[in-house]
Amino acid sequence: ARETKRDGQPYLDDCAEIFFITAPDSLDTHFGYELNLNKAVNDFIFF
């Protein structure tokens, strides 16, 4: 767990990640949330 900044790169650490696909037929668009043990959070919308 190296990342300490919000909207940094916690996905390069051991982290919890979850992705929500809100459009039934699309894996190309999703909301993502990532959190590491330093409480560095990254939340995003992927198109």
All heavy atoms as atom14 arrays in JSON, in Angstrom:
{
  "sequence": "ARETKRDGQPYLDDCAEIFFITAPDSLDTHFGYELNLNKAVNDFIFF",
  "atom14_mask": [
    [1, 1, 1, 1, 1, 0, 0, 0, 0, 0, 0, 0, 0, 0],
    [1, 1, 1, 1, 1, 1, 1, 1, 1, 1, 1, 0, 0, 0],
    [1, 1, 1, 1, 1, 1, 1, 1, 1, 0, 0, 0, 0, 0],
    [1, 1, 1, 1, 1, 1, 1, 0, 0, 0, 0, 0, 0, 0],
    [1, 1, 1, 1, 1, 1, 1, 1, 1, 0, 0, 0, 0, 0],
    [1, 1, 1, 1, 1, 1, 1, 1, 1, 1, 1, 0, 0, 0],
    [1, 1, 1, 1, 1, 1, 1, 1, 0, 0, 0, 0, 0, 0],
    [1, 1, 1, 1, 0, 0, 0, 0, 0, 0, 0, 0, 0, 0],
    [1, 1, 1, 1, 1, 1, 1, 1, 1, 0, 0, 0, 0, 0],
    [1, 1, 1, 1, 1, 1, 1, 0, 0, 0, 0, 0, 0, 0],
    [1, 1, 1, 1, 1, 1, 1, 1, 1, 1, 1, 1, 0, 0],
    [1, 1, 1, 1, 1, 1, 1, 1, 0, 0, 0, 0, 0, 0],
    [1, 1, 1, 1, 1, 1, 1, 1, 0, 0, 0, 0, 0, 0],
    [1, 1, 1, 1, 1, 1, 1, 1, 0, 0, 0, 0, 0, 0],
    [1, 1, 1, 1, 1, 1, 0, 0, 0, 0, 0, 0, 0, 0],
    [1, 1, 1, 1, 1, 0, 0, 0, 0, 0, 0, 0, 0, 0],
    [1, 1, 1, 1, 1, 1, 1, 1, 1, 0, 0, 0, 0, 0],
    [1, 1, 1, 1, 1, 1, 1, 1, 0, 0, 0, 0, 0, 0],
    [1, 1, 1, 1, 1, 1, 1, 1, 1, 1, 1, 0, 0, 0],
    [1, 1, 1, 1, 1, 1, 1, 1, 1, 1, 1, 0, 0, 0],
    [1, 1, 1, 1, 1, 1, 1, 1, 0, 0, 0, 0, 0, 0],
    [1, 1, 1, 1, 1, 1, 1, 0, 0, 0, 0, 0, 0, 0],
    [1, 1, 1, 1, 1, 0, 0, 0, 0, 0, 0, 0, 0, 0],
    [1, 1, 1, 1, 1, 1, 1, 0, 0, 0, 0, 0, 0, 0],
    [1, 1, 1, 1, 1, 1, 1, 1, 0, 0, 0, 0, 0, 0],
    [1, 1, 1, 1, 1, 1, 0, 0, 0, 0, 0, 0, 0, 0],
    [1, 1, 1, 1, 1, 1, 1, 1, 0, 0, 0, 0, 0, 0],
    [1, 1, 1, 1, 1, 1, 1, 1, 0, 0, 0, 0, 0, 0],
    [1, 1, 1, 1, 1, 1, 1, 0, 0, 0, 0, 0, 0, 0],
    [1, 1, 1, 1, 1, 1, 1, 1, 1, 1, 0, 0, 0, 0],
    [1, 1, 1, 1, 1, 1, 1, 1, 1, 1, 1, 0, 0, 0],
    [1, 1, 1, 1, 0, 0, 0, 0, 0, 0, 0, 0, 0, 0],
    [1, 1, 1, 1, 1, 1, 1, 1, 1, 1, 1, 1, 0, 0],
    [1, 1, 1, 1, 1, 1, 1, 1, 1, 0, 0, 0, 0, 0],
    [1, 1, 1, 1, 1, 1, 1, 1, 0, 0, 0, 0, 0, 0],
    [1, 1, 1, 1, 1, 1, 1, 1, 0, 0, 0, 0, 0, 0],
    [1, 1, 1, 1, 1, 1, 1, 1, 0, 0, 0, 0, 0, 0],
    [1, 1, 1, 1, 1, 1, 1, 1, 0, 0, 0, 0, 0, 0],
    [1, 1, 1, 1, 1, 1, 1, 1, 1, 0, 0, 0, 0, 0],
    [1, 1, 1, 1, 1, 0, 0, 0, 0, 0, 0, 0, 0, 0],
    [1, 1, 1, 1, 1, 1, 1, 0, 0, 0, 0, 0, 0, 0],
    [1, 1, 1, 1, 1, 1, 1, 1, 0, 0, 0, 0, 0, 0],
    [1, 1, 1, 1, 1, 1, 1, 1, 0, 0, 0, 0, 0, 0],
    [1, 1, 1, 1, 1, 1, 1, 1, 1, 1, 1, 0, 0, 0],
    [1, 1, 1, 1, 1, 1, 1, 1, 0, 0, 0, 0, 0, 0],
    [1, 1, 1, 1, 1, 1, 1, 1, 1, 1, 1, 0, 0, 0],
    [1, 1, 1, 1, 1, 1, 1, 1, 1, 1, 1, 0, 0, 0]
  ],
  "atom14_positions": [
    [[0.86, -1.18, 0.0], [0.0, 0.0, 0.0], [0.9, 1.23, 0.0], [1.35, 1.68, 1.05], [-0.92, 0.0, 1.2], [0.0, 0.0, 0.0], [0.0, 0.0, 0.0], [0.0, 0.0, 0.0], [0.0, 0.0, 0.0], [0.0, 0.0, 0.0], [0.0, 0.0, 0.0], [0.0, 0.0, 0.0], [0.0, 0.0, 0.0], [0.0, 0.0, 0.0]],
    [[1.17, 1.75, -1.18], [2.06, 2.92, -1.32], [1.28, 4.21, -1.57], [1.68, 5.27, -1.12], [3.05, 2.68, -2.45], [3.99, 1.53, -2.18], [5.0, 1.37, -3.33], [5.78, 0.18, -3.14], [5.65, -0.94, -3.85], [4.76, -1.02, -4.81], [6.4, -1.99, -3.61], [0.0, 0.0, 0.0], [0.0, 0.0, 0.0], [0.0, 0.0, 0.0]],
    [[0.2, 4.12, -2.34], [-0.54, 5.32, -2.73], [-1.22, 5.95, -1.51], [-1.8, 5.24, -0.69], [-1.61, 4.97, -3.79], [-2.34, 6.17, -4.34], [-1.43, 7.14, -5.06], [-0.96, 6.78, -6.16], [-1.18, 8.23, -4.52], [0.0, 0.0, 0.0], [0.0, 0.0, 0.0], [0.0, 0.0, 0.0], [0.0, 0.0, 0.0], [0.0, 0.0, 0.0]],
    [[-1.14, 7.27, -1.4], [-1.77, 7.99, -0.3], [-2.69, 9.1, -0.78], [-3.43, 9.66, 0.01], [-0.71, 8.6, 0.64], [0.13, 9.48, -0.13], [0.13, 7.53, 1.31], [0.0, 0.0, 0.0], [0.0, 0.0, 0.0], [0.0, 0.0, 0.0], [0.0, 0.0, 0.0], [0.0, 0.0, 0.0], [0.0, 0.0, 0.0], [0.0, 0.0, 0.0]],
    [[-2.67, 9.42, -2.07], [-3.45, 10.54, -2.6], [-4.8, 10.09, -3.14], [-4.9, 9.03, -3.76], [-2.69, 11.24, -3.73], [-1.43, 11.94, -3.28], [-0.75, 12.61, -4.45], [0.36, 11.69, -4.86], [1.05, 11.99, -6.05], [0.0, 0.0, 0.0], [0.0, 0.0, 0.0], [0.0, 0.0, 0.0], [0.0, 0.0, 0.0], [0.0, 0.0, 0.0]],
    [[-5.81, 10.94, -2.94], [-7.12, 10.71, -3.53], [-6.98, 10.81, -5.05], [-6.25, 11.65, -5.57], [-8.13, 11.73, -3.03], [-9.46, 11.57, -3.74], [-10.58, 12.31, -3.04], [-11.81, 12.19, -3.78], [-12.59, 11.11, -3.83], [-12.24, 10.03, -3.17], [-13.69, 11.09, -4.53], [0.0, 0.0, 0.0], [0.0, 0.0, 0.0], [0.0, 0.0, 0.0]],
    [[-7.68, 9.95, -5.76], [-7.65, 9.87, -7.22], [-6.24, 9.58, -7.74], [-5.91, 9.93, -8.87], [-8.22, 11.15, -7.86], [-9.69, 11.32, -7.57], [-10.39, 10.29, -7.46], [-10.15, 12.46, -7.44], [0.0, 0.0, 0.0], [0.0, 0.0, 0.0], [0.0, 0.0, 0.0], [0.0, 0.0, 0.0], [0.0, 0.0, 0.0], [0.0, 0.0, 0.0]],
    [[-5.44, 8.92, -6.92], [-4.12, 8.47, -7.35], [-4.25, 7.11, -8.03], [-5.19, 6.88, -8.79], [0.0, 0.0, 0.0], [0.0, 0.0, 0.0], [0.0, 0.0, 0.0], [0.0, 0.0, 0.0], [0.0, 0.0, 0.0], [0.0, 0.0, 0.0], [0.0, 0.0, 0.0], [0.0, 0.0, 0.0], [0.0, 0.0, 0.0], [0.0, 0.0, 0.0]],
    [[-3.32, 6.21, -7.74], [-3.3, 4.9, -8.37], [-3.34, 3.78, -7.32], [-2.44, 2.95, -7.26], [-2.07, 4.76, -9.25], [-2.03, 5.75, -10.38], [-0.75, 5.65, -11.18], [0.34, 5.44, -10.64], [-0.87, 5.8, -12.49], [0.0, 0.0, 0.0], [0.0, 0.0, 0.0], [0.0, 0.0, 0.0], [0.0, 0.0, 0.0], [0.0, 0.0, 0.0]],
    [[-4.41, 3.69, -6.53], [-4.46, 2.61, -5.54], [-4.55, 1.23, -6.18], [-4.22, 0.23, -5.54], [-5.73, 2.92, -4.73], [-6.57, 3.73, -5.65], [-5.6, 4.51, -6.49], [0.0, 0.0, 0.0], [0.0, 0.0, 0.0], [0.0, 0.0, 0.0], [0.0, 0.0, 0.0], [0.0, 0.0, 0.0], [0.0, 0.0, 0.0], [0.0, 0.0, 0.0]],
    [[-4.94, 1.18, -7.45], [-5.04, -0.09, -8.16], [-3.68, -0.75, -8.38], [-3.6, -1.93, -8.69], [-5.77, 0.08, -9.5], [-5.23, 1.2, -10.35], [-4.15, 1.0, -11.19], [-5.8, 2.46, -10.31], [-3.63, 2.02, -11.97], [-5.3, 3.5, -11.08], [-4.21, 3.27, -11.91], [-3.71, 4.3, -12.67], [0.0, 0.0, 0.0], [0.0, 0.0, 0.0]],
    [[-2.6, -0.02, -8.19], [-1.26, -0.61, -8.27], [-0.87, -1.27, -6.94], [0.12, -1.98, -6.87], [-0.22, 0.44, -8.67], [-0.4, 1.05, -10.06], [0.63, 2.14, -10.3], [-0.34, -0.02, -11.14], [0.0, 0.0, 0.0], [0.0, 0.0, 0.0], [0.0, 0.0, 0.0], [0.0, 0.0, 0.0], [0.0, 0.0, 0.0], [0.0, 0.0, 0.0]],
    [[-1.64, -1.01, -5.9], [-1.43, -1.6, -4.58], [-2.4, -2.77, -4.4], [-3.23, -3.04, -5.26], [-1.73, -0.57, -3.48], [-0.79, 0.61, -3.5], [0.33, 0.48, -4.02], [-1.18, 1.68, -2.97], [0.0, 0.0, 0.0], [0.0, 0.0, 0.0], [0.0, 0.0, 0.0], [0.0, 0.0, 0.0], [0.0, 0.0, 0.0], [0.0, 0.0, 0.0]],
    [[-2.31, -3.42, -3.25], [-3.37, -4.34, -2.86], [-4.55, -3.45, -2.47], [-4.42, -2.56, -1.63], [-2.93, -5.19, -1.66], [-1.84, -6.17, -2.06], [-2.06, -6.89, -3.05], [-0.81, -6.21, -1.4], [0.0, 0.0, 0.0], [0.0, 0.0, 0.0], [0.0, 0.0, 0.0], [0.0, 0.0, 0.0], [0.0, 0.0, 0.0], [0.0, 0.0, 0.0]],
    [[-5.67, -3.65, -3.12], [-6.81, -2.77, -2.87], [-8.11, -3.51, -3.14], [-8.13, -4.56, -3.76], [-6.73, -1.51, -3.73], [-6.99, -1.78, -5.49], [0.0, 0.0, 0.0], [0.0, 0.0, 0.0], [0.0, 0.0, 0.0], [0.0, 0.0, 0.0], [0.0, 0.0, 0.0], [0.0, 0.0, 0.0], [0.0, 0.0, 0.0], [0.0, 0.0, 0.0]],
    [[-9.19, -2.91, -2.67], [-10.53, -3.4, -2.97], [-11.04, -2.57, -4.14], [-10.89, -1.36, -4.15], [-11.43, -3.23, -1.75], [0.0, 0.0, 0.0], [0.0, 0.0, 0.0], [0.0, 0.0, 0.0], [0.0, 0.0, 0.0], [0.0, 0.0, 0.0], [0.0, 0.0, 0.0], [0.0, 0.0, 0.0], [0.0, 0.0, 0.0], [0.0, 0.0, 0.0]],
    [[-11.62, -3.24, -5.12], [-12.16, -2.56, -6.3], [-13.54, -3.12, -6.59], [-13.78, -4.3, -6.43], [-11.29, -2.83, -7.53], [-9.86, -2.38, -7.4], [-9.06, -2.77, -8.64], [-8.99, -3.98, -8.95], [-8.51, -1.87, -9.28], [0.0, 0.0, 0.0], [0.0, 0.0, 0.0], [0.0, 0.0, 0.0], [0.0, 0.0, 0.0], [0.0, 0.0, 0.0]],
    [[-14.42, -2.24, -7.05], [-15.72, -2.7, -7.52], [-16.11, -1.84, -8.71], [-15.81, -0.65, -8.76], [-16.79, -2.66, -6.41], [-18.04, -3.37, -6.88], [-17.05, -1.24, -5.93], [-18.94, -3.83, -5.79], [0.0, 0.0, 0.0], [0.0, 0.0, 0.0], [0.0, 0.0, 0.0], [0.0, 0.0, 0.0], [0.0, 0.0, 0.0], [0.0, 0.0, 0.0]],
    [[-16.78, -2.48, -9.67], [-17.19, -1.81, -10.9], [-18.67, -2.06, -11.11], [-19.12, -3.19, -11.04], [-16.38, -2.32, -12.09], [-14.91, -2.14, -11.9], [-14.15, -3.14, -11.3], [-14.28, -0.99, -12.28], [-12.8, -2.98, -11.08], [-12.93, -0.81, -12.09], [-12.18, -1.81, -11.48], [0.0, 0.0, 0.0], [0.0, 0.0, 0.0], [0.0, 0.0, 0.0]],
    [[-19.43, -1.0, -11.35], [-20.86, -1.1, -11.59], [-21.12, -0.86, -13.07], [-20.72, 0.17, -13.61], [-21.63, -0.04, -10.79], [-21.58, -0.25, -9.31], [-20.64, 0.4, -8.54], [-22.47, -1.11, -8.69], [-20.59, 0.22, -7.17], [-22.44, -1.29, -7.33], [-21.49, -0.63, -6.56], [0.0, 0.0, 0.0], [0.0, 0.0, 0.0], [0.0, 0.0, 0.0]],
    [[-21.79, -1.81, -13.7], [-22.2, -1.66, -15.1], [-23.68, -1.3, -15.06], [-24.51, -2.13, -14.71], [-21.97, -2.96, -15.88], [-20.51, -3.34, -15.84], [-22.48, -2.81, -17.31], [-20.23, -4.72, -16.38], [0.0, 0.0, 0.0], [0.0, 0.0, 0.0], [0.0, 0.0, 0.0], [0.0, 0.0, 0.0], [0.0, 0.0, 0.0], [0.0, 0.0, 0.0]],
    [[-24.0, -0.06, -15.42], [-25.38, 0.4, -15.29], [-26.18, 0.26, -16.58], [-27.39, 0.33, -16.57], [-25.42, 1.86, -14.84], [-24.69, 2.65, -15.78], [-24.79, 2.01, -13.46], [0.0, 0.0, 0.0], [0.0, 0.0, 0.0], [0.0, 0.0, 0.0], [0.0, 0.0, 0.0], [0.0, 0.0, 0.0], [0.0, 0.0, 0.0], [0.0, 0.0, 0.0]],
    [[-25.51, 0.09, -17.71], [-26.19, -0.14, -18.98], [-26.16, -1.64, -19.24], [-25.08, -2.22, -19.38], [-25.49, 0.62, -20.1], [0.0, 0.0, 0.0], [0.0, 0.0, 0.0], [0.0, 0.0, 0.0], [0.0, 0.0, 0.0], [0.0, 0.0, 0.0], [0.0, 0.0, 0.0], [0.0, 0.0, 0.0], [0.0, 0.0, 0.0], [0.0, 0.0, 0.0]],
    [[-27.31, -2.3, -19.32], [-27.36, -3.76, -19.36], [-26.51, -4.41, -20.46], [-25.97, -5.48, -20.25], [-28.84, -4.06, -19.59], [-29.54, -2.87, -19.08], [-28.63, -1.71, -19.32], [0.0, 0.0, 0.0], [0.0, 0.0, 0.0], [0.0, 0.0, 0.0], [0.0, 0.0, 0.0], [0.0, 0.0, 0.0], [0.0, 0.0, 0.0], [0.0, 0.0, 0.0]],
    [[-26.4, -3.82, -21.61], [-25.67, -4.47, -22.7], [-24.31, -3.85, -22.97], [-23.8, -3.94, -24.08], [-26.51, -4.44, -23.98], [-27.72, -5.36, -23.86], [-27.59, -6.4, -23.19], [-28.77, -5.02, -24.4], [0.0, 0.0, 0.0], [0.0, 0.0, 0.0], [0.0, 0.0, 0.0], [0.0, 0.0, 0.0], [0.0, 0.0, 0.0], [0.0, 0.0, 0.0]],
    [[-23.7, -3.22, -21.97], [-22.43, -2.55, -22.23], [-21.43, -2.8, -21.13], [-21.64, -2.44, -19.98], [-22.65, -1.04, -22.38], [-21.42, -0.41, -22.53], [0.0, 0.0, 0.0], [0.0, 0.0, 0.0], [0.0, 0.0, 0.0], [0.0, 0.0, 0.0], [0.0, 0.0, 0.0], [0.0, 0.0, 0.0], [0.0, 0.0, 0.0], [0.0, 0.0, 0.0]],
    [[-20.32, -3.41, -21.48], [-19.18, -3.51, -20.57], [-18.25, -2.33, -20.8], [-17.28, -2.15, -20.08], [-18.42, -4.81, -20.8], [-19.11, -6.07, -20.34], [-18.29, -7.29, -20.73], [-19.34, -6.06, -18.85], [0.0, 0.0, 0.0], [0.0, 0.0, 0.0], [0.0, 0.0, 0.0], [0.0, 0.0, 0.0], [0.0, 0.0, 0.0], [0.0, 0.0, 0.0]],
    [[-18.53, -1.52, -21.81], [-17.66, -0.4, -22.16], [-17.88, 0.81, -21.27], [-17.08, 1.74, -21.29], [-17.87, 0.0, -23.63], [-17.5, -1.13, -24.57], [-16.6, -1.92, -24.23], [-18.13, -1.23, -25.64], [0.0, 0.0, 0.0], [0.0, 0.0, 0.0], [0.0, 0.0, 0.0], [0.0, 0.0, 0.0], [0.0, 0.0, 0.0], [0.0, 0.0, 0.0]],
    [[-18.97, 0.85, -20.53], [-19.26, 1.97, -19.65], [-19.51, 1.44, -18.24], [-20.34, 0.56, -18.05], [-20.53, 2.73, -20.13], [-20.32, 3.13, -21.49], [-20.79, 3.94, -19.27], [0.0, 0.0, 0.0], [0.0, 0.0, 0.0], [0.0, 0.0, 0.0], [0.0, 0.0, 0.0], [0.0, 0.0, 0.0], [0.0, 0.0, 0.0], [0.0, 0.0, 0.0]],
    [[-18.75, 1.95, -17.3], [-18.96, 1.52, -15.92], [-18.43, 2.56, -14.94], [-17.64, 3.41, -15.3], [-18.33, 0.15, -15.65], [-16.85, 0.1, -15.86], [-16.29, -0.26, -17.05], [-15.82, 0.35, -15.03], [-14.97, -0.24, -16.95], [-14.66, 0.14, -15.74], [0.0, 0.0, 0.0], [0.0, 0.0, 0.0], [0.0, 0.0, 0.0], [0.0, 0.0, 0.0]],
    [[-18.94, 2.47, -13.72], [-18.44, 3.28, -12.6], [-17.48, 2.4, -11.82], [-17.75, 1.22, -11.62], [-19.58, 3.68, -11.65], [-20.6, 4.58, -12.28], [-21.72, 4.05, -12.89], [-20.43, 5.95, -12.26], [-22.68, 4.87, -13.46], [-21.38, 6.78, -12.83], [-22.51, 6.24, -13.43], [0.0, 0.0, 0.0], [0.0, 0.0, 0.0], [0.0, 0.0, 0.0]],
    [[-16.38, 2.96, -11.37], [-15.42, 2.18, -10.61], [-15.03, 2.88, -9.32], [-14.98, 4.11, -9.26], [0.0, 0.0, 0.0], [0.0, 0.0, 0.0], [0.0, 0.0, 0.0], [0.0, 0.0, 0.0], [0.0, 0.0, 0.0], [0.0, 0.0, 0.0], [0.0, 0.0, 0.0], [0.0, 0.0, 0.0], [0.0, 0.0, 0.0], [0.0, 0.0, 0.0]],
    [[-14.8, 2.07, -8.3], [-14.36, 2.57, -7.01], [-13.22, 1.68, -6.53], [-13.33, 0.46, -6.55], [-15.51, 2.52, -5.99], [-16.7, 3.34, -6.43], [-17.74, 2.74, -7.15], [-16.78, 4.68, -6.16], [-18.83, 3.47, -7.57], [-17.88, 5.44, -6.58], [-18.89, 4.82, -7.28], [-19.97, 5.55, -7.7], [0.0, 0.0, 0.0], [0.0, 0.0, 0.0]],
    [[-12.14, 2.31, -6.07], [-10.97, 1.57, -5.59], [-10.51, 2.19, -4.27], [-10.55, 3.4, -4.1], [-9.84, 1.67, -6.61], [-10.24, 1.19, -7.99], [-9.33, 1.67, -9.1], [-8.73, 2.75, -8.99], [-9.23, 0.93, -10.09], [0.0, 0.0, 0.0], [0.0, 0.0, 0.0], [0.0, 0.0, 0.0], [0.0, 0.0, 0.0], [0.0, 0.0, 0.0]],
    [[-10.04, 1.35, -3.36], [-9.6, 1.81, -2.05], [-8.48, 0.9, -1.56], [-8.62, -0.32, -1.57], [-10.78, 1.76, -1.06], [-10.49, 2.04, 0.4], [-10.13, 3.51, 0.6], [-11.68, 1.66, 1.26], [0.0, 0.0, 0.0], [0.0, 0.0, 0.0], [0.0, 0.0, 0.0], [0.0, 0.0, 0.0], [0.0, 0.0, 0.0], [0.0, 0.0, 0.0]],
    [[-7.36, 1.51, -1.14], [-6.29, 0.7, -0.57], [-6.25, 0.86, 0.95], [-7.09, 1.54, 1.54], [-4.94, 1.03, -1.22], [-4.38, 2.39, -0.8], [-4.93, 3.09, 0.05], [-3.28, 2.78, -1.43], [0.0, 0.0, 0.0], [0.0, 0.0, 0.0], [0.0, 0.0, 0.0], [0.0, 0.0, 0.0], [0.0, 0.0, 0.0], [0.0, 0.0, 0.0]],
    [[-5.27, 0.24, 1.6], [-5.21, 0.27, 3.07], [-4.83, 1.64, 3.62], [-5.02, 1.91, 4.8], [-4.22, -0.78, 3.57], [-4.69, -2.21, 3.39], [-3.6, -3.19, 3.74], [-5.93, -2.48, 4.2], [0.0, 0.0, 0.0], [0.0, 0.0, 0.0], [0.0, 0.0, 0.0], [0.0, 0.0, 0.0], [0.0, 0.0, 0.0], [0.0, 0.0, 0.0]],
    [[-4.3, 2.53, 2.79], [-4.01, 3.9, 3.21], [-5.22, 4.81, 3.05], [-5.11, 6.01, 3.2], [-2.84, 4.49, 2.39], [-1.53, 3.82, 2.71], [-1.31, 3.37, 3.83], [-0.66, 3.74, 1.73], [0.0, 0.0, 0.0], [0.0, 0.0, 0.0], [0.0, 0.0, 0.0], [0.0, 0.0, 0.0], [0.0, 0.0, 0.0], [0.0, 0.0, 0.0]],
    [[-6.35, 4.22, 2.7], [-7.6, 4.94, 2.44], [-7.46, 5.89, 1.24], [-8.15, 6.9, 1.16], [-8.09, 5.69, 3.67], [-8.42, 4.76, 4.83], [-8.93, 5.52, 6.02], [-9.18, 4.56, 7.17], [-9.6, 5.27, 8.37], [0.0, 0.0, 0.0], [0.0, 0.0, 0.0], [0.0, 0.0, 0.0], [0.0, 0.0, 0.0], [0.0, 0.0, 0.0]],
    [[-6.55, 5.56, 0.34], [-6.44, 6.3, -0.92], [-7.55, 5.8, -1.84], [-7.6, 4.63, -2.17], [-5.07, 6.07, -1.56], [0.0, 0.0, 0.0], [0.0, 0.0, 0.0], [0.0, 0.0, 0.0], [0.0, 0.0, 0.0], [0.0, 0.0, 0.0], [0.0, 0.0, 0.0], [0.0, 0.0, 0.0], [0.0, 0.0, 0.0], [0.0, 0.0, 0.0]],
    [[-8.44, 6.7, -2.22], [-9.63, 6.36, -2.98], [-9.5, 6.85, -4.42], [-8.98, 7.94, -4.67], [-10.88, 7.03, -2.35], [-12.12, 6.75, -3.17], [-11.07, 6.56, -0.93], [0.0, 0.0, 0.0], [0.0, 0.0, 0.0], [0.0, 0.0, 0.0], [0.0, 0.0, 0.0], [0.0, 0.0, 0.0], [0.0, 0.0, 0.0], [0.0, 0.0, 0.0]],
    [[-9.96, 6.06, -5.34], [-10.07, 6.45, -6.73], [-11.46, 6.07, -7.18], [-11.85, 4.92, -7.08], [-9.01, 5.75, -7.59], [-9.0, 6.25, -9.01], [-9.39, 7.37, -9.29], [-8.57, 5.4, -9.92], [0.0, 0.0, 0.0], [0.0, 0.0, 0.0], [0.0, 0.0, 0.0], [0.0, 0.0, 0.0], [0.0, 0.0, 0.0], [0.0, 0.0, 0.0]],
    [[-12.23, 7.06, -7.63], [-13.56, 6.78, -8.18], [-13.63, 7.4, -9.57], [-13.07, 8.46, -9.8], [-14.69, 7.27, -7.27], [-14.56, 8.73, -6.9], [-13.48, 9.33, -7.09], [-15.53, 9.3, -6.4], [0.0, 0.0, 0.0], [0.0, 0.0, 0.0], [0.0, 0.0, 0.0], [0.0, 0.0, 0.0], [0.0, 0.0, 0.0], [0.0, 0.0, 0.0]],
    [[-14.27, 6.69, -10.49], [-14.23, 7.15, -11.88], [-15.42, 6.63, -12.68], [-16.1, 5.7, -12.25], [-12.93, 6.69, -12.55], [-12.75, 5.19, -12.53], [-13.24, 4.41, -13.57], [-12.12, 4.57, -11.48], [-13.11, 3.04, -13.55], [-11.96, 3.19, -11.45], [-12.47, 2.43, -12.49], [0.0, 0.0, 0.0], [0.0, 0.0, 0.0], [0.0, 0.0, 0.0]],
    [[-15.61, 7.23, -13.83], [-16.56, 6.74, -14.82], [-15.74, 6.39, -16.05], [-14.93, 7.2, -16.53], [-17.61, 7.8, -15.19], [-18.41, 8.19, -13.95], [-18.54, 7.27, -16.28], [-19.35, 9.35, -14.17], [0.0, 0.0, 0.0], [0.0, 0.0, 0.0], [0.0, 0.0, 0.0], [0.0, 0.0, 0.0], [0.0, 0.0, 0.0], [0.0, 0.0, 0.0]],
    [[-15.91, 5.18, -16.57], [-15.16, 4.74, -17.75], [-16.12, 4.65, -18.94], [-17.16, 4.03, -18.85], [-14.53, 3.37, -17.47], [-13.78, 2.81, -18.66], [-12.49, 3.24, -18.92], [-14.37, 1.88, -19.48], [-11.8, 2.72, -20.0], [-13.69, 1.38, -20.58], [-12.4, 1.8, -20.84], [0.0, 0.0, 0.0], [0.0, 0.0, 0.0], [0.0, 0.0, 0.0]],
    [[-15.77, 5.31, -20.03], [-16.56, 5.25, -21.26], [-15.76, 4.55, -22.32], [-14.6, 4.82, -22.52], [-16.93, 6.65, -21.77], [-17.85, 7.38, -20.85], [-17.38, 8.37, -20.02], [-19.19, 7.06, -20.81], [-18.22, 9.06, -19.16], [-20.04, 7.74, -19.94], [-19.55, 8.75, -19.12], [0.0, 0.0, 0.0], [0.0, 0.0, 0.0], [0.0, 0.0, 0.0]]
  ]
}
